[in-house]
Amino acid sequence: SDAFADQNDVRLSELFRSLKSTENGSKASVFESKIWHIWMQHNDPEVETAMFRGLEAMKFHQFDQAFGYFSILIKLAPDYAEGWNKRATVLYLLGRFNESEADVMRTLELEPRHFGALSGQGLIKIALRDWQGAIYFLESALKINPHMHGVIMNLKYARQKYKESMT
């Protein structure tokens, strides 16, 4: 049923509450995996196929093919947050930061709790040497999911760079 798939899934708010409140790292990864699992689901098998093919292409570093599949996905399901997030990731990997940013912003319009997109936006800001922007988006990601080790490290780095840029 429609209640169980994508970013509008009814199970998500409870998972987000648990993710934020748990102190336990291994519990946190379980909640995080469950959230990703739901985000990746879609009721349309054509959309799921495009997602799967895009992910396969990414696994083999075929970023142009992946971009193609995720673009099809977005045409098929423009209101599906994860389609935009995946294409944003590919654009980031291709060094197309402004386009990546546009897809991230669309992801966040559809799913404001998307800690993956928020941390991705932080990486884009780091690539563009916008330290304040990086700090803002990485902190926003950690407010939703405080357990992301990579994001904590990137935030330290961005804060350090920001401090250096002020001296």
Protein backbone atom coordinates (compact mmCIF):
# COMPACT_ATOMS: atom_id res chain seq x y z
CA SER A 1 0.00 0.00 0.00
CA ASP A 2 0.97 3.63 -0.37
CA ALA A 3 1.61 3.91 3.35
CA PHE A 4 4.71 1.74 2.96
CA ALA A 5 7.19 3.20 0.51
CA ASP A 6 9.40 6.24 -0.15
CA GLN A 7 9.86 9.37 1.98
CA ASN A 8 6.15 9.56 2.94
CA ASP A 9 6.19 6.15 4.62
CA VAL A 10 4.27 6.18 7.92
CA ARG A 11 7.03 4.21 9.70
CA LEU A 12 9.65 6.93 9.25
CA SER A 13 8.80 9.42 12.01
CA GLU A 14 9.18 6.77 14.72
CA LEU A 15 12.51 5.65 13.20
CA PHE A 16 13.78 9.23 13.10
CA ARG A 17 12.81 9.71 16.75
CA SER A 18 14.69 6.55 17.73
CA LEU A 19 17.72 7.47 15.62
CA LYS A 20 18.00 10.83 17.30
CA SER A 21 17.44 9.66 20.87
CA THR A 22 19.54 6.49 21.04
CA GLU A 23 23.01 6.66 22.59
CA ASN A 24 23.83 3.19 21.29
CA GLY A 25 25.93 3.15 18.12
CA SER A 26 24.86 -0.27 16.90
CA LYS A 27 21.16 0.50 17.49
CA ALA A 28 21.66 3.73 15.61
CA SER A 29 23.00 1.88 12.55
CA VAL A 30 19.96 -0.40 12.59
CA PHE A 31 17.60 2.60 12.60
CA GLU A 32 19.68 4.28 9.91
CA SER A 33 19.58 1.17 7.67
CA LYS A 34 15.83 0.88 8.11
CA ILE A 35 15.37 4.52 7.08
CA TRP A 36 17.56 4.05 3.97
CA HIS A 37 15.67 0.85 3.14
CA ILE A 38 12.33 2.69 3.19
CA TRP A 39 13.72 5.66 1.22
CA MET A 40 14.91 3.25 -1.48
CA GLN A 41 11.50 1.61 -1.88
CA HIS A 42 8.97 2.68 -4.46
CA ASN A 43 5.56 1.32 -5.44
CA ASP A 44 6.34 1.46 -9.17
CA PRO A 45 8.48 -1.49 -10.35
CA GLU A 46 9.74 0.61 -13.29
CA VAL A 47 11.11 3.16 -10.82
CA GLU A 48 12.70 0.41 -8.71
CA THR A 49 14.36 -1.03 -11.84
CA ALA A 50 15.80 2.36 -12.82
CA MET A 51 17.07 2.75 -9.23
CA PHE A 52 18.67 -0.70 -9.27
CA ARG A 53 20.36 -0.10 -12.66
CA GLY A 54 21.62 3.30 -11.55
CA LEU A 55 23.10 1.80 -8.38
CA GLU A 56 24.75 -1.02 -10.37
CA ALA A 57 26.30 1.55 -12.73
CA MET A 58 27.59 3.53 -9.73
CA LYS A 59 29.11 0.39 -8.23
CA PHE A 60 31.21 0.04 -11.41
CA HIS A 61 32.01 3.78 -11.52
CA GLN A 62 29.96 4.21 -14.71
CA PHE A 63 28.76 7.62 -13.61
CA ASP A 64 27.42 8.75 -17.00
CA GLN A 65 25.23 5.64 -17.25
CA ALA A 66 24.13 6.10 -13.64
CA PHE A 67 23.22 9.70 -14.41
CA GLY A 68 21.09 8.44 -17.30
CA TYR A 69 19.19 5.94 -15.16
CA PHE A 70 18.57 8.40 -12.34
CA SER A 71 17.36 11.00 -14.85
CA ILE A 72 14.83 8.46 -16.18
CA LEU A 73 13.85 7.73 -12.59
CA ILE A 74 13.19 11.41 -11.88
CA LYS A 75 11.02 11.69 -15.02
CA LEU A 76 9.03 8.61 -13.95
CA ALA A 77 8.66 9.77 -10.33
CA PRO A 78 9.35 13.48 -9.85
CA ASP A 79 8.05 13.38 -6.27
CA TYR A 80 10.36 10.58 -5.15
CA ALA A 81 13.09 12.11 -2.98
CA GLU A 82 15.64 9.31 -3.33
CA GLY A 83 15.74 9.63 -7.13
CA TRP A 84 16.90 13.23 -6.79
CA ASN A 85 19.32 12.33 -3.99
CA LYS A 86 20.96 9.58 -6.06
CA ARG A 87 21.33 11.84 -9.10
CA ALA A 88 22.78 14.56 -6.84
CA THR A 89 25.38 12.03 -5.67
CA VAL A 90 26.37 11.12 -9.23
CA LEU A 91 26.61 14.79 -10.22
CA TYR A 92 28.82 15.40 -7.18
CA LEU A 93 31.09 12.52 -8.22
CA LEU A 94 31.25 14.01 -11.73
CA GLY A 95 32.36 17.34 -10.22
CA ARG A 96 29.17 19.07 -11.43
CA PHE A 97 28.61 20.81 -8.10
CA ASN A 98 26.00 23.41 -9.07
CA GLU A 99 23.75 20.81 -10.71
CA SER A 100 24.31 18.49 -7.77
CA GLU A 101 23.25 21.25 -5.41
CA ALA A 102 20.01 21.81 -7.34
CA ASP A 103 19.14 18.10 -7.03
CA VAL A 104 20.02 18.12 -3.31
CA MET A 105 17.68 21.07 -2.74
CA ARG A 106 14.89 19.21 -4.54
CA THR A 107 15.57 16.14 -2.35
CA LEU A 108 15.28 18.30 0.77
CA GLU A 109 12.02 19.90 -0.42
CA LEU A 110 10.56 16.39 -0.68
CA GLU A 111 12.28 14.99 2.45
CA PRO A 112 13.56 17.69 4.83
CA ARG A 113 14.89 14.98 7.18
CA HIS A 114 17.24 13.57 4.53
CA PHE A 115 20.51 13.47 6.47
CA GLY A 116 22.24 11.95 3.42
CA ALA A 117 21.30 14.92 1.25
CA LEU A 118 22.22 17.40 4.00
CA SER A 119 25.66 15.84 4.43
CA GLY A 120 26.05 15.74 0.63
CA GLN A 121 25.30 19.46 0.53
CA GLY A 122 27.99 19.90 3.18
CA LEU A 123 30.48 18.10 0.90
CA ILE A 124 29.52 20.33 -2.03
CA LYS A 125 30.10 23.42 0.14
CA ILE A 126 33.51 22.02 1.17
CA ALA A 127 34.38 21.45 -2.50
CA LEU A 128 33.38 25.07 -3.21
CA ARG A 129 35.37 26.23 -0.15
CA ASP A 130 32.22 27.76 1.38
CA TRP A 131 33.12 26.86 4.95
CA GLN A 132 30.16 28.58 6.61
CA GLY A 133 27.76 26.83 4.25
CA ALA A 134 29.49 23.52 4.92
CA ILE A 135 29.21 23.98 8.69
CA TYR A 136 25.51 24.83 8.40
CA PHE A 137 24.58 21.76 6.34
CA LEU A 138 26.79 19.31 8.25
CA GLU A 139 25.35 20.53 11.57
CA SER A 140 21.84 20.19 10.13
CA ALA A 141 22.59 16.59 9.12
CA LEU A 142 23.87 15.76 12.62
CA LYS A 143 20.77 17.27 14.26
CA ILE A 144 18.76 14.58 12.51
CA ASN A 145 21.32 11.77 12.67
CA PRO A 146 23.98 12.47 15.32
CA HIS A 147 25.76 9.15 14.67
CA MET A 148 27.45 9.79 11.30
CA HIS A 149 31.18 9.49 11.93
CA GLY A 150 32.19 10.83 8.50
CA VAL A 151 30.00 13.90 8.93
CA ILE A 152 31.49 14.59 12.37
CA MET A 153 34.98 14.47 10.81
CA ASN A 154 33.96 16.70 7.88
CA LEU A 155 32.44 19.20 10.31
CA LYS A 156 35.71 19.38 12.29
CA TYR A 157 37.55 19.98 9.02
CA ALA A 158 35.12 22.70 7.86
CA ARG A 159 35.28 24.47 11.26
CA GLN A 160 39.10 24.39 11.13
CA LYS A 161 39.15 25.79 7.58
CA TYR A 162 36.63 28.47 8.55
CA LYS A 163 38.80 29.50 11.52
CA GLU A 164 41.89 29.68 9.26
CA SER A 165 39.99 31.78 6.72
CA MET A 166 39.16 34.29 9.46
CA THR A 167 42.79 34.85 10.51
